[in-house]
């Protein structure tokens, strides 16, 4: 009889650990889906082009019908930043990389 009780306790512990592992995996998978991924917009040109952040903010604002500021300050819907060849637009907490 004592062996039967130990076996039941052991099976219960293993089942509980397996259920906890499945719950953690499901939580991680759901959270990963919700996480925003950066979207990259790529223009393939014959020569390198640099963007002006004022023009980039204005064009993105027009495309999304949003207020992304004037290029020097952010707007209520996001902002645009240019640093050399790395250009980023943030619209509603979603980042877009413009290459």
N, C-alpha and C. Protein backbone atom coordinates (compact mmCIF):
# COMPACT_ATOMS: atom_id res chain seq x y z
N UNK A 1 0.80 -1.20 0.00
CA UNK A 1 0.00 0.00 0.00
C UNK A 1 0.85 1.27 0.00
N UNK A 2 1.93 1.35 0.79
CA UNK A 2 2.75 2.56 0.77
C UNK A 2 3.34 2.84 -0.60
N UNK A 3 3.67 1.77 -1.35
CA UNK A 3 4.22 1.98 -2.69
C UNK A 3 3.17 2.58 -3.62
N UNK A 4 1.92 2.20 -3.44
CA UNK A 4 0.83 2.72 -4.26
C UNK A 4 0.64 4.20 -3.99
N UNK A 5 0.71 4.62 -2.75
CA UNK A 5 0.56 6.03 -2.39
C UNK A 5 1.72 6.84 -2.96
N UNK A 6 2.92 6.31 -2.87
CA UNK A 6 4.08 6.99 -3.43
C UNK A 6 3.96 7.12 -4.95
N UNK A 7 3.46 6.08 -5.59
CA UNK A 7 3.28 6.11 -7.03
C UNK A 7 2.25 7.16 -7.43
N UNK A 8 1.17 7.25 -6.68
CA UNK A 8 0.12 8.25 -6.97
C UNK A 8 0.68 9.66 -6.78
N UNK A 9 1.45 9.87 -5.74
CA UNK A 9 2.05 11.18 -5.48
C UNK A 9 3.03 11.53 -6.61
N UNK A 10 3.84 10.56 -7.02
CA UNK A 10 4.81 10.79 -8.09
C UNK A 10 4.11 11.13 -9.39
N UNK A 11 3.07 10.40 -9.75
CA UNK A 11 2.30 10.66 -10.98
C UNK A 11 1.66 12.04 -10.91
N UNK A 12 1.13 12.41 -9.76
CA UNK A 12 0.52 13.73 -9.59
C UNK A 12 1.55 14.84 -9.79
N UNK A 13 2.73 14.67 -9.23
CA UNK A 13 3.78 15.67 -9.38
C UNK A 13 4.23 15.79 -10.84
N UNK A 14 4.38 14.68 -11.53
CA UNK A 14 4.79 14.71 -12.93
C UNK A 14 3.70 15.38 -13.78
N UNK A 15 2.45 15.05 -13.54
CA UNK A 15 1.34 15.65 -14.29
C UNK A 15 1.26 17.15 -14.02
N UNK A 16 1.47 17.57 -12.79
CA UNK A 16 1.45 18.99 -12.45
C UNK A 16 2.59 19.73 -13.13
N UNK A 17 3.77 19.13 -13.14
CA UNK A 17 4.92 19.76 -13.80
C UNK A 17 4.68 19.85 -15.30
N UNK A 18 4.11 18.82 -15.90
CA UNK A 18 3.82 18.86 -17.34
C UNK A 18 2.78 19.92 -17.65
N UNK A 19 1.75 20.03 -16.84
CA UNK A 19 0.71 21.06 -17.05
C UNK A 19 1.31 22.45 -16.91
N UNK A 20 2.19 22.64 -15.93
CA UNK A 20 2.83 23.95 -15.76
C UNK A 20 3.71 24.27 -16.96
N UNK A 21 4.42 23.28 -17.48
CA UNK A 21 5.25 23.50 -18.66
C UNK A 21 4.43 23.89 -19.87
N UNK A 22 3.31 23.23 -20.09
CA UNK A 22 2.42 23.56 -21.20
C UNK A 22 1.85 24.96 -21.02
N UNK A 23 1.47 25.32 -19.80
CA UNK A 23 0.92 26.66 -19.54
C UNK A 23 1.96 27.74 -19.82
N UNK A 24 3.21 27.53 -19.43
CA UNK A 24 4.27 28.50 -19.68
C UNK A 24 4.51 28.62 -21.18
N UNK A 25 4.54 27.51 -21.89
CA UNK A 25 4.74 27.54 -23.34
C UNK A 25 3.61 28.28 -24.04
N UNK A 26 2.36 28.04 -23.65
CA UNK A 26 1.23 28.75 -24.25
C UNK A 26 1.28 30.24 -23.96
N UNK A 27 1.65 30.62 -22.74
CA UNK A 27 1.78 32.03 -22.38
C UNK A 27 2.87 32.69 -23.23
N UNK A 28 4.01 32.04 -23.36
CA UNK A 28 5.12 32.59 -24.15
C UNK A 28 4.71 32.75 -25.61
N UNK A 29 4.03 31.76 -26.14
CA UNK A 29 3.62 31.82 -27.55
C UNK A 29 2.62 32.94 -27.78
N UNK A 30 1.65 33.12 -26.90
CA UNK A 30 0.66 34.19 -27.03
C UNK A 30 1.32 35.55 -26.91
N UNK A 31 2.24 35.68 -25.97
CA UNK A 31 2.92 36.96 -25.77
C UNK A 31 3.79 37.30 -26.98
N UNK A 32 4.42 36.28 -27.56
CA UNK A 32 5.27 36.50 -28.72
C UNK A 32 4.46 37.00 -29.91
N UNK A 33 3.23 36.51 -30.07
CA UNK A 33 2.38 36.97 -31.17
C UNK A 33 2.00 38.43 -30.99
N UNK A 34 1.79 38.85 -29.75
CA UNK A 34 1.37 40.23 -29.48
C UNK A 34 2.50 41.23 -29.64
N UNK A 35 3.73 40.77 -29.49
CA UNK A 35 4.86 41.68 -29.57
C UNK A 35 4.97 42.25 -30.98
N UNK A 36 5.15 43.56 -31.04
CA UNK A 36 5.27 44.20 -32.35
C UNK A 36 6.61 43.94 -32.98
N UNK A 37 6.59 43.62 -34.22
CA UNK A 37 7.82 43.40 -34.95
C UNK A 37 8.11 44.62 -35.81
N UNK A 38 9.38 44.87 -36.00
CA UNK A 38 9.76 46.00 -36.84
C UNK A 38 9.55 45.62 -38.30
N UNK A 39 8.96 46.51 -39.04
CA UNK A 39 8.72 46.32 -40.46
C UNK A 39 9.75 47.14 -41.21
N UNK A 40 10.37 46.53 -42.21
CA UNK A 40 11.40 47.22 -42.98
C UNK A 40 10.88 47.51 -44.38
N UNK A 41 10.96 48.77 -44.79
CA UNK A 41 10.59 49.19 -46.12
C UNK A 41 11.88 49.41 -46.91
N UNK A 42 12.05 48.73 -48.02
CA UNK A 42 13.31 48.76 -48.76
C UNK A 42 13.06 49.29 -50.17
N UNK A 43 13.85 50.27 -50.58
CA UNK A 43 13.80 50.79 -51.95
C UNK A 43 15.12 50.41 -52.62
N UNK A 44 15.04 49.64 -53.68
CA UNK A 44 16.24 49.22 -54.40
C UNK A 44 16.53 50.24 -55.50
N UNK A 45 17.58 51.02 -55.30
CA UNK A 45 17.96 52.09 -56.24
C UNK A 45 19.37 51.84 -56.75
N UNK A 46 19.71 52.52 -57.82
CA UNK A 46 21.04 52.37 -58.41
C UNK A 46 22.13 53.05 -57.57
N UNK A 47 21.77 54.07 -56.83
CA UNK A 47 22.75 54.78 -56.00
C UNK A 47 22.12 55.11 -54.66
N UNK A 48 22.95 55.29 -53.63
CA UNK A 48 22.41 55.59 -52.30
C UNK A 48 21.68 56.93 -52.27
N UNK A 49 20.61 56.97 -51.49
CA UNK A 49 19.82 58.19 -51.33
C UNK A 49 19.65 58.44 -49.84
N UNK A 50 19.82 59.68 -49.44
CA UNK A 50 19.55 60.04 -48.05
C UNK A 50 18.22 60.80 -47.99
N UNK A 51 17.45 60.52 -46.98
CA UNK A 51 16.16 61.16 -46.80
C UNK A 51 16.27 62.29 -45.80
N UNK A 52 15.50 63.31 -46.01
CA UNK A 52 15.38 64.40 -45.05
C UNK A 52 14.22 64.03 -44.12
N UNK A 53 14.44 64.14 -42.80
CA UNK A 53 13.39 63.70 -41.87
C UNK A 53 12.13 64.55 -41.96
N UNK A 54 12.25 65.80 -42.38
CA UNK A 54 11.05 66.63 -42.56
C UNK A 54 10.21 66.08 -43.70
N UNK A 55 10.86 65.74 -44.81
CA UNK A 55 10.15 65.18 -45.97
C UNK A 55 9.60 63.81 -45.63
N UNK A 56 10.39 62.99 -44.94
CA UNK A 56 9.94 61.65 -44.56
C UNK A 56 8.72 61.71 -43.65
N UNK A 57 8.73 62.59 -42.66
CA UNK A 57 7.58 62.74 -41.77
C UNK A 57 6.35 63.22 -42.53
N UNK A 58 6.54 64.14 -43.44
CA UNK A 58 5.42 64.67 -44.22
C UNK A 58 4.82 63.60 -45.13
N UNK A 59 5.67 62.83 -45.81
CA UNK A 59 5.18 61.79 -46.71
C UNK A 59 4.47 60.66 -45.94
N UNK A 60 5.06 60.25 -44.82
CA UNK A 60 4.44 59.19 -44.02
C UNK A 60 3.12 59.68 -43.42
N UNK A 61 3.08 60.95 -43.00
CA UNK A 61 1.83 61.51 -42.48
C UNK A 61 0.75 61.50 -43.54
N UNK A 62 1.12 61.84 -44.75
CA UNK A 62 0.16 61.86 -45.84
C UNK A 62 -0.30 60.44 -46.19
N UNK A 63 0.63 59.49 -46.21
CA UNK A 63 0.29 58.11 -46.57
C UNK A 63 -0.64 57.46 -45.55
N UNK A 64 -0.41 57.72 -44.26
CA UNK A 64 -1.21 57.09 -43.21
C UNK A 64 -2.31 57.99 -42.67
N UNK A 65 -2.43 59.19 -43.23
CA UNK A 65 -3.43 60.15 -42.75
C UNK A 65 -3.29 60.32 -41.23
N UNK A 66 -2.07 60.61 -40.82
CA UNK A 66 -1.75 60.74 -39.40
C UNK A 66 -0.88 61.97 -39.19
N UNK A 67 -0.73 62.37 -37.94
CA UNK A 67 0.12 63.50 -37.59
C UNK A 67 1.40 62.96 -36.97
N UNK A 68 2.48 62.92 -37.76
CA UNK A 68 3.76 62.44 -37.29
C UNK A 68 4.72 63.57 -36.99
N UNK A 69 4.20 64.74 -36.76
CA UNK A 69 5.03 65.89 -36.46
C UNK A 69 5.58 66.52 -37.72
N UNK A 70 6.48 67.47 -37.51
CA UNK A 70 7.04 68.21 -38.65
C UNK A 70 8.46 67.77 -39.00
N UNK A 71 8.92 66.69 -38.42
CA UNK A 71 10.27 66.21 -38.69
C UNK A 71 11.27 66.65 -37.65
N UNK A 72 10.96 67.72 -36.93
CA UNK A 72 11.84 68.18 -35.86
C UNK A 72 11.26 67.85 -34.49
N UNK A 73 9.96 67.64 -34.43
CA UNK A 73 9.28 67.27 -33.18
C UNK A 73 8.23 66.21 -33.51
N UNK A 74 7.94 65.38 -32.53
CA UNK A 74 6.98 64.32 -32.77
C UNK A 74 5.54 64.83 -32.71
N UNK A 75 4.67 64.11 -33.37
CA UNK A 75 3.26 64.43 -33.36
C UNK A 75 2.52 63.45 -32.47
N UNK A 76 1.20 63.60 -32.34
CA UNK A 76 0.43 62.71 -31.47
C UNK A 76 0.40 61.26 -31.97
N UNK A 77 0.61 61.04 -33.27
CA UNK A 77 0.54 59.68 -33.82
C UNK A 77 1.91 59.02 -33.97
N UNK A 78 2.99 59.78 -33.80
CA UNK A 78 4.33 59.19 -33.93
C UNK A 78 5.35 60.21 -34.39
N UNK A 79 6.45 59.72 -34.99
CA UNK A 79 7.53 60.61 -35.43
C UNK A 79 8.38 59.93 -36.49
N UNK A 80 9.24 60.69 -37.12
CA UNK A 80 10.20 60.18 -38.10
C UNK A 80 11.59 60.68 -37.72
N UNK A 81 12.58 59.79 -37.84
CA UNK A 81 13.96 60.13 -37.49
C UNK A 81 14.87 59.62 -38.60
N UNK A 82 15.83 60.44 -39.00
CA UNK A 82 16.82 60.05 -40.01
C UNK A 82 18.22 60.24 -39.43
N UNK A 83 19.02 59.20 -39.56
CA UNK A 83 20.42 59.27 -39.12
C UNK A 83 21.27 58.58 -40.17
N UNK A 84 21.71 59.35 -41.15
CA UNK A 84 22.48 58.76 -42.25
C UNK A 84 21.59 57.90 -43.13
N UNK A 85 21.97 56.64 -43.24
CA UNK A 85 21.17 55.72 -44.05
C UNK A 85 20.13 54.97 -43.23
N UNK A 86 20.08 55.22 -41.93
CA UNK A 86 19.09 54.57 -41.07
C UNK A 86 17.96 55.55 -40.83
N UNK A 87 16.79 55.20 -41.36
CA UNK A 87 15.61 56.06 -41.24
C UNK A 87 14.51 55.26 -40.56
N UNK A 88 13.91 55.85 -39.55
CA UNK A 88 12.89 55.14 -38.79
C UNK A 88 11.65 56.00 -38.68
N UNK A 89 10.49 55.34 -38.86
CA UNK A 89 9.20 55.98 -38.65
C UNK A 89 8.50 55.20 -37.56
N UNK A 90 7.98 55.90 -36.56
CA UNK A 90 7.19 55.27 -35.51
C UNK A 90 5.78 55.81 -35.63
N UNK A 91 4.84 54.90 -35.85
CA UNK A 91 3.43 55.27 -36.03
C UNK A 91 2.59 54.38 -35.12
N UNK A 92 1.91 54.98 -34.16
CA UNK A 92 1.09 54.25 -33.18
C UNK A 92 1.91 53.14 -32.50
N UNK A 93 3.09 53.50 -31.98
CA UNK A 93 3.99 52.59 -31.26
C UNK A 93 4.45 51.40 -32.10
N UNK A 94 4.46 51.54 -33.39
CA UNK A 94 4.94 50.50 -34.30
C UNK A 94 6.11 51.08 -35.08
N UNK A 95 7.25 50.41 -35.09
CA UNK A 95 8.44 50.94 -35.74
C UNK A 95 8.57 50.41 -37.16
N UNK A 96 8.94 51.31 -38.07
CA UNK A 96 9.18 50.99 -39.48
C UNK A 96 10.57 51.48 -39.84
N UNK A 97 11.37 50.60 -40.36
CA UNK A 97 12.73 50.94 -40.78
C UNK A 97 12.70 51.18 -42.28
N UNK A 98 13.18 52.35 -42.72
CA UNK A 98 13.17 52.70 -44.14
C UNK A 98 14.60 52.61 -44.65
N UNK A 99 14.85 51.67 -45.57
CA UNK A 99 16.18 51.48 -46.16
C UNK A 99 16.13 51.92 -47.60
